[in-house]
Amino acid sequence: MKKKLFIIAPLLFGLSFLAMAKEGENGKQPTVSQVNQAITTSVKEELSSFLEIIPTTLEKEHGFNDRSEFTKAVPASIYRITNVSKEGNVFETNLYNVIVSVNNQYRAVLTVSFENGKYEIQTVGAAELAKELQLVEIQNPLPSEKEWIMVNMLTQAASFVSYNDINAGIENADLIPLESAKTGLQNASGTRATKSTYKLAEVVQALKVN
């Protein structure tokens, strides 16, 4: 299979997922830390070699100063990806965004899939999003045993982040708008949205109007 990256067709990588992380101990639902540890372990195994497929001269476009930083790159925060239709229907994706960090600076975002018992790196890129997410996390510390969620409004290319109990719904969660969402939620006069958080129903209605 050809090695590809970012918005091109994906390259599949991964390790077998531990049964404990999928089902939890003794058949119980896994904790956030168990799931994230399984994702982190898989990503660590493949990250350096995956980054090597970035073409020479395109390192900065993918968030890195030079190729020597590939060996310093480590997985940082993990976001479960949830998509929402124009009508407000919520779809789980079995996908995660995993931040790539170099010297504690967020540099890029991986898309990681979970399928057939494996976590697999699909794409890398989104350097500006990585920087934005680091600022969001500084301003909104993650509570213990909560998970980060990336909420994508499919028809408007508007994204939010939130945190919640593992695998919990987002219908009542506080959604923190990213730059794409602030633009998408601007009113008829062109003024960008300024609220710090939104509810899902509020976002769906606002996007329909706009």
C-alpha atoms as a PDB file:
ATOM      1  CA  MET A   1       0.000   0.000   0.000  1.00  0.00           C
ATOM      2  CA  LYS A   2       1.305   3.506  -0.804  1.00  0.00           C
ATOM      3  CA  LYS A   3       2.140   5.707   2.144  1.00  0.00           C
ATOM      4  CA  LYS A   4       0.018   8.831   2.170  1.00  0.00           C
ATOM      5  CA  LEU A   5      -0.955  11.515   4.637  1.00  0.00           C
ATOM      6  CA  PHE A   6      -3.201  14.376   5.678  1.00  0.00           C
ATOM      7  CA  ILE A   7      -6.180  14.818   3.321  1.00  0.00           C
ATOM      8  CA  ILE A   8      -4.873  12.200   0.883  1.00  0.00           C
ATOM      9  CA  ALA A   9      -5.895   8.559   1.225  1.00  0.00           C
ATOM     10  CA  PRO A  10      -4.802   7.205   4.629  1.00  0.00           C
ATOM     11  CA  LEU A  11      -1.976   4.940   5.638  1.00  0.00           C
ATOM     12  CA  LEU A  12      -3.073   2.356   8.181  1.00  0.00           C
ATOM     13  CA  PHE A  13      -0.977   1.537  11.226  1.00  0.00           C
ATOM     14  CA  GLY A  14      -1.671   0.145  14.641  1.00  0.00           C
ATOM     15  CA  LEU A  15      -1.381  -2.410  17.359  1.00  0.00           C
ATOM     16  CA  SER A  16      -3.905  -4.921  18.599  1.00  0.00           C
ATOM     17  CA  PHE A  17      -6.069  -3.280  21.217  1.00  0.00           C
ATOM     18  CA  LEU A  18      -5.898  -4.780  24.691  1.00  0.00           C
ATOM     19  CA  ALA A  19      -9.122  -6.449  25.775  1.00  0.00           C
ATOM     20  CA  MET A  20      -8.983  -4.578  29.067  1.00  0.00           C
ATOM     21  CA  ALA A  21      -9.024  -1.219  27.314  1.00  0.00           C
ATOM     22  CA  LYS A  22     -11.970  -2.159  25.121  1.00  0.00           C
ATOM     23  CA  GLU A  23     -14.144  -3.831  27.708  1.00  0.00           C
ATOM     24  CA  GLY A  24     -12.606  -2.713  30.981  1.00  0.00           C
ATOM     25  CA  GLU A  25     -11.657  -4.985  33.796  1.00  0.00           C
ATOM     26  CA  ASN A  26     -14.104  -7.831  34.488  1.00  0.00           C
ATOM     27  CA  GLY A  27     -16.340  -6.727  31.619  1.00  0.00           C
ATOM     28  CA  LYS A  28     -16.897  -3.246  33.028  1.00  0.00           C
ATOM     29  CA  GLN A  29     -16.815  -0.112  30.894  1.00  0.00           C
ATOM     30  CA  PRO A  30     -13.190   1.046  30.550  1.00  0.00           C
ATOM     31  CA  THR A  31     -12.101   4.224  32.235  1.00  0.00           C
ATOM     32  CA  VAL A  32     -10.893   7.275  30.337  1.00  0.00           C
ATOM     33  CA  SER A  33      -7.343   6.525  31.435  1.00  0.00           C
ATOM     34  CA  GLN A  34      -7.540   2.936  30.131  1.00  0.00           C
ATOM     35  CA  VAL A  35      -8.792   4.009  26.709  1.00  0.00           C
ATOM     36  CA  ASN A  36      -6.310   6.859  26.415  1.00  0.00           C
ATOM     37  CA  GLN A  37      -3.431   4.647  27.495  1.00  0.00           C
ATOM     38  CA  ALA A  38      -4.297   2.122  24.769  1.00  0.00           C
ATOM     39  CA  ILE A  39      -4.431   4.876  22.139  1.00  0.00           C
ATOM     40  CA  THR A  40      -1.184   6.426  23.379  1.00  0.00           C
ATOM     41  CA  THR A  41       0.622   3.082  23.313  1.00  0.00           C
ATOM     42  CA  SER A  42      -0.435   2.405  19.719  1.00  0.00           C
ATOM     43  CA  VAL A  43       0.445   5.893  18.516  1.00  0.00           C
ATOM     44  CA  LYS A  44       3.873   5.827  20.192  1.00  0.00           C
ATOM     45  CA  GLU A  45       4.766   2.646  18.335  1.00  0.00           C
ATOM     46  CA  GLU A  46       4.069   4.135  14.905  1.00  0.00           C
ATOM     47  CA  LEU A  47       4.402   7.899  15.221  1.00  0.00           C
ATOM     48  CA  SER A  48       8.040   8.394  14.224  1.00  0.00           C
ATOM     49  CA  SER A  49       7.820   6.167  11.153  1.00  0.00           C
ATOM     50  CA  PHE A  50       4.477   7.691  10.165  1.00  0.00           C
ATOM     51  CA  LEU A  51       5.909  11.200  10.241  1.00  0.00           C
ATOM     52  CA  GLU A  52       8.691  10.111   7.899  1.00  0.00           C
ATOM     53  CA  ILE A  53       6.164   9.959   5.059  1.00  0.00           C
ATOM     54  CA  ILE A  54       5.861  13.763   5.172  1.00  0.00           C
ATOM     55  CA  PRO A  55       7.645  14.929   2.004  1.00  0.00           C
ATOM     56  CA  THR A  56      10.920  16.790   2.395  1.00  0.00           C
ATOM     57  CA  THR A  57      10.348  20.586   2.360  1.00  0.00           C
ATOM     58  CA  LEU A  58       6.778  20.160   3.692  1.00  0.00           C
ATOM     59  CA  GLU A  59       7.702  19.738   7.346  1.00  0.00           C
ATOM     60  CA  LYS A  60       6.605  23.237   8.362  1.00  0.00           C
ATOM     61  CA  GLU A  61       3.237  22.833   6.663  1.00  0.00           C
ATOM     62  CA  HIS A  62       2.672  19.893   8.997  1.00  0.00           C
ATOM     63  CA  GLY A  63       3.798  21.728  12.132  1.00  0.00           C
ATOM     64  CA  PHE A  64       7.488  20.795  12.393  1.00  0.00           C
ATOM     65  CA  ASN A  65      10.559  22.989  12.038  1.00  0.00           C
ATOM     66  CA  ASP A  66      12.632  20.202  10.508  1.00  0.00           C
ATOM     67  CA  ARG A  67      12.800  16.408  10.269  1.00  0.00           C
ATOM     68  CA  SER A  68      14.938  16.078  13.388  1.00  0.00           C
ATOM     69  CA  GLU A  69      11.820  16.921  15.413  1.00  0.00           C
ATOM     70  CA  PHE A  70      10.103  13.725  14.280  1.00  0.00           C
ATOM     71  CA  THR A  71      12.080  11.702  16.823  1.00  0.00           C
ATOM     72  CA  LYS A  72      11.057  14.131  19.591  1.00  0.00           C
ATOM     73  CA  ALA A  73       7.349  13.987  18.763  1.00  0.00           C
ATOM     74  CA  VAL A  74       5.049  12.354  21.316  1.00  0.00           C
ATOM     75  CA  PRO A  75       1.266  11.926  21.594  1.00  0.00           C
ATOM     76  CA  ALA A  76      -0.401  14.406  23.943  1.00  0.00           C
ATOM     77  CA  SER A  77      -4.126  15.058  24.442  1.00  0.00           C
ATOM     78  CA  ILE A  78      -6.747  12.780  22.917  1.00  0.00           C
ATOM     79  CA  TYR A  79     -10.149  13.900  21.599  1.00  0.00           C
ATOM     80  CA  ARG A  80     -13.018  11.544  20.759  1.00  0.00           C
ATOM     81  CA  ILE A  81     -14.560  12.767  17.482  1.00  0.00           C
ATOM     82  CA  THR A  82     -18.319  13.245  17.301  1.00  0.00           C
ATOM     83  CA  ASN A  83     -20.118  14.534  14.213  1.00  0.00           C
ATOM     84  CA  VAL A  84     -23.440  16.383  14.117  1.00  0.00           C
ATOM     85  CA  SER A  85     -25.756  16.736  11.113  1.00  0.00           C
ATOM     86  CA  LYS A  86     -27.578  19.916  10.121  1.00  0.00           C
ATOM     87  CA  GLU A  87     -30.679  18.564  11.855  1.00  0.00           C
ATOM     88  CA  GLY A  88     -28.786  17.985  15.099  1.00  0.00           C
ATOM     89  CA  ASN A  89     -28.381  14.221  14.833  1.00  0.00           C
ATOM     90  CA  VAL A  90     -25.258  13.024  16.659  1.00  0.00           C
ATOM     91  CA  PHE A  91     -23.000  10.381  15.108  1.00  0.00           C
ATOM     92  CA  GLU A  92     -20.158   8.604  16.864  1.00  0.00           C
ATOM     93  CA  THR A  93     -17.262   7.951  14.499  1.00  0.00           C
ATOM     94  CA  ASN A  94     -14.803   5.498  16.104  1.00  0.00           C
ATOM     95  CA  LEU A  95     -12.225   8.201  15.354  1.00  0.00           C
ATOM     96  CA  TYR A  96      -9.979  10.227  17.625  1.00  0.00           C
ATOM     97  CA  ASN A  97      -7.854  13.336  17.245  1.00  0.00           C
ATOM     98  CA  VAL A  98      -4.491  12.867  18.943  1.00  0.00           C
ATOM     99  CA  ILE A  99      -2.297  15.926  19.419  1.00  0.00           C
ATOM    100  CA  VAL A 100       1.392  15.632  18.519  1.00  0.00           C
ATOM    101  CA  SER A 101       3.671  17.538  20.891  1.00  0.00           C
ATOM    102  CA  VAL A 102       7.355  18.489  20.601  1.00  0.00           C
ATOM    103  CA  ASN A 103       8.994  19.887  23.735  1.00  0.00           C
ATOM    104  CA  ASN A 104       5.528  20.495  25.245  1.00  0.00           C
ATOM    105  CA  GLN A 105       4.406  22.524  22.233  1.00  0.00           C
ATOM    106  CA  TYR A 106       1.425  21.248  20.249  1.00  0.00           C
ATOM    107  CA  ARG A 107       2.542  20.897  16.623  1.00  0.00           C
ATOM    108  CA  ALA A 108       0.046  18.763  14.667  1.00  0.00           C
ATOM    109  CA  VAL A 109      -3.111  16.692  14.929  1.00  0.00           C
ATOM    110  CA  LEU A 110      -3.411  13.006  14.078  1.00  0.00           C
ATOM    111  CA  THR A 111      -6.652  11.318  13.114  1.00  0.00           C
ATOM    112  CA  VAL A 112      -6.691   7.837  14.651  1.00  0.00           C
ATOM    113  CA  SER A 113      -9.292   5.181  13.907  1.00  0.00           C
ATOM    114  CA  PHE A 114     -10.440   2.209  15.956  1.00  0.00           C
ATOM    115  CA  GLU A 115     -11.485  -0.799  13.908  1.00  0.00           C
ATOM    116  CA  ASN A 116     -11.160  -4.564  14.285  1.00  0.00           C
ATOM    117  CA  GLY A 117      -9.457  -4.237  17.640  1.00  0.00           C
ATOM    118  CA  LYS A 118      -6.769  -1.815  16.459  1.00  0.00           C
ATOM    119  CA  TYR A 119      -5.977   1.853  16.783  1.00  0.00           C
ATOM    120  CA  GLU A 120      -4.491   3.085  13.509  1.00  0.00           C
ATOM    121  CA  ILE A 121      -3.045   6.454  12.501  1.00  0.00           C
ATOM    122  CA  GLN A 122      -4.937   7.758   9.487  1.00  0.00           C
ATOM    123  CA  THR A 123      -3.739  11.334   8.833  1.00  0.00           C
ATOM    124  CA  VAL A 124      -1.461  14.065  10.153  1.00  0.00           C
ATOM    125  CA  GLY A 125      -1.656  17.840   9.732  1.00  0.00           C
ATOM    126  CA  ALA A 126      -3.724  20.754  11.096  1.00  0.00           C
ATOM    127  CA  ALA A 127      -0.828  22.648  12.667  1.00  0.00           C
ATOM    128  CA  GLU A 128      -2.959  25.729  13.388  1.00  0.00           C
ATOM    129  CA  LEU A 129      -5.643  23.620  15.048  1.00  0.00           C
ATOM    130  CA  ALA A 130      -2.996  22.060  17.294  1.00  0.00           C
ATOM    131  CA  LYS A 131      -1.922  25.502  18.507  1.00  0.00           C
ATOM    132  CA  GLU A 132      -5.525  26.520  19.092  1.00  0.00           C
ATOM    133  CA  LEU A 133      -6.266  23.390  21.111  1.00  0.00           C
ATOM    134  CA  GLN A 134      -3.299  23.998  23.379  1.00  0.00           C
ATOM    135  CA  LEU A 135      -4.690  27.436  24.241  1.00  0.00           C
ATOM    136  CA  VAL A 136      -8.158  25.984  24.838  1.00  0.00           C
ATOM    137  CA  GLU A 137      -6.724  23.385  27.216  1.00  0.00           C
ATOM    138  CA  ILE A 138      -4.787  26.000  29.178  1.00  0.00           C
ATOM    139  CA  GLN A 139      -7.970  28.022  29.623  1.00  0.00           C
ATOM    140  CA  ASN A 140     -10.160  24.976  30.372  1.00  0.00           C
ATOM    141  CA  PRO A 141      -8.356  22.397  32.558  1.00  0.00           C
ATOM    142  CA  LEU A 142      -9.705  18.890  32.007  1.00  0.00           C
ATOM    143  CA  PRO A 143     -11.534  17.497  35.084  1.00  0.00           C
ATOM    144  CA  SER A 144     -10.417  14.125  36.387  1.00  0.00           C
ATOM    145  CA  GLU A 145     -11.917  11.099  34.601  1.00  0.00           C
ATOM    146  CA  LYS A 146     -13.463  13.205  31.856  1.00  0.00           C
ATOM    147  CA  GLU A 147     -12.560  12.905  28.195  1.00  0.00           C
ATOM    148  CA  TRP A 148     -12.022  15.601  25.590  1.00  0.00           C
ATOM    149  CA  ILE A 149     -14.496  15.549  22.701  1.00  0.00           C
ATOM    150  CA  MET A 150     -14.158  17.169  19.269  1.00  0.00           C
ATOM    151  CA  VAL A 151     -17.616  18.093  17.962  1.00  0.00           C
ATOM    152  CA  ASN A 152     -17.822  18.718  14.209  1.00  0.00           C
ATOM    153  CA  MET A 153     -20.887  20.339  12.653  1.00  0.00           C
ATOM    154  CA  LEU A 154     -20.721  18.641   9.279  1.00  0.00           C
ATOM    155  CA  THR A 155     -22.649  21.063   7.078  1.00  0.00           C
ATOM    156  CA  GLN A 156     -20.918  24.221   8.319  1.00  0.00           C
ATOM    157  CA  ALA A 157     -17.324  23.073   8.842  1.00  0.00           C
ATOM    158  CA  ALA A 158     -17.657  24.432  12.381  1.00  0.00           C
ATOM    159  CA  SER A 159     -15.941  22.638  15.263  1.00  0.00           C
ATOM    160  CA  PHE A 160     -16.278  22.777  19.035  1.00  0.00           C
ATOM    161  CA  VAL A 161     -14.581  20.981  21.893  1.00  0.00           C
ATOM    162  CA  SER A 162     -16.052  19.795  25.155  1.00  0.00           C
ATOM    163  CA  TYR A 163     -15.353  17.356  27.938  1.00  0.00           C
ATOM    164  CA  ASN A 164     -17.669  14.744  29.333  1.00  0.00           C
ATOM    165  CA  ASP A 165     -17.863  11.307  30.925  1.00  0.00           C
ATOM    166  CA  ILE A 166     -16.458   8.616  28.662  1.00  0.00           C
ATOM    167  CA  ASN A 167     -18.829   7.753  25.797  1.00  0.00           C
ATOM    168  CA  ALA A 168     -21.457  10.121  27.212  1.00  0.00           C
ATOM    169  CA  GLY A 169     -23.722  12.098  24.880  1.00  0.00           C
ATOM    170  CA  ILE A 170     -23.093  15.739  24.072  1.00  0.00           C
ATOM    171  CA  GLU A 171     -26.708  16.936  24.070  1.00  0.00           C
ATOM    172  CA  ASN A 172     -26.309  18.742  27.413  1.00  0.00           C
ATOM    173  CA  ALA A 173     -22.576  19.362  27.317  1.00  0.00           C
ATOM    174  CA  ASP A 174     -20.977  22.804  27.211  1.00  0.00           C
ATOM    175  CA  LEU A 175     -19.473  23.242  23.743  1.00  0.00           C
ATOM    176  CA  ILE A 176     -16.439  25.526  23.489  1.00  0.00           C
ATOM    177  CA  PRO A 177     -16.289  27.150  20.035  1.00  0.00           C
ATOM    178  CA  LEU A 178     -13.092  26.930  18.006  1.00  0.00           C
ATOM    179  CA  GLU A 179     -12.240  29.603  15.428  1.00  0.00           C
ATOM    180  CA  SER A 180     -14.225  27.813  12.712  1.00  0.00           C
ATOM    181  CA  ALA A 181     -17.303  27.802  14.931  1.00  0.00           C
ATOM    182  CA  LYS A 182     -16.939  31.456  15.906  1.00  0.00           C
ATOM    183  CA  THR A 183     -16.991  32.346  12.228  1.00  0.00           C
ATOM    184  CA  GLY A 184     -19.865  29.984  11.427  1.00  0.00           C
ATOM    185  CA  LEU A 185     -21.975  31.413  14.249  1.00  0.00           C
ATOM    186  CA  GLN A 186     -21.560  35.037  13.232  1.00  0.00           C
ATOM    187  CA  ASN A 187     -24.809  36.949  12.992  1.00  0.00           C
ATOM    188  CA  ALA A 188     -26.322  38.700  10.007  1.00  0.00           C
ATOM    189  CA  SER A 189     -24.325  41.886  10.651  1.00  0.00           C
ATOM    190  CA  GLY A 190     -21.084  39.960  10.399  1.00  0.00           C
ATOM    191  CA  THR A 191     -20.223  40.106  14.097  1.00  0.00           C
ATOM    192  CA  ARG A 192     -18.436  36.973  15.220  1.00  0.00           C
ATOM    193  CA  ALA A 193     -19.878  34.858  18.014  1.00  0.00           C
ATOM    194  CA  THR A 194     -18.438  35.804  21.399  1.00  0.00           C
ATOM    195  CA  LYS A 195     -20.029  33.393  23.890  1.00  0.00           C
ATOM    196  CA  SER A 196     -17.560  31.124  25.674  1.00  0.00           C
ATOM    197  CA  THR A 197     -19.811  28.043  25.518  1.00  0.00           C
ATOM    198  CA  TYR A 198     -22.927  26.843  23.694  1.00  0.00           C
ATOM    199  CA  LYS A 199     -25.424  24.016  24.024  1.00  0.00           C
ATOM    200  CA  LEU A 200     -25.962  21.684  21.081  1.00  0.00           C
ATOM    201  CA  ALA A 201     -29.557  22.785  20.391  1.00  0.00           C
ATOM    202  CA  GLU A 202     -28.432  26.405  20.418  1.00  0.00           C
ATOM    203  CA  VAL A 203     -25.655  25.703  17.913  1.00  0.00           C
ATOM    204  CA  VAL A 204     -27.919  23.744  15.554  1.00  0.00           C
ATOM    205  CA  GLN A 205     -30.497  26.545  15.526  1.00  0.00           C
ATOM    206  CA  ALA A 206     -27.884  29.259  15.007  1.00  0.00           C
ATOM    207  CA  LEU A 207     -26.251  27.436  12.115  1.00  0.00           C
ATOM    208  CA  LYS A 208     -29.633  26.886  10.451  1.00  0.00           C
ATOM    209  CA  VAL A 209     -30.306  30.627  10.614  1.00  0.00           C
ATOM    210  CA  ASN A 210     -26.888  31.553   9.299  1.00  0.00           C
END
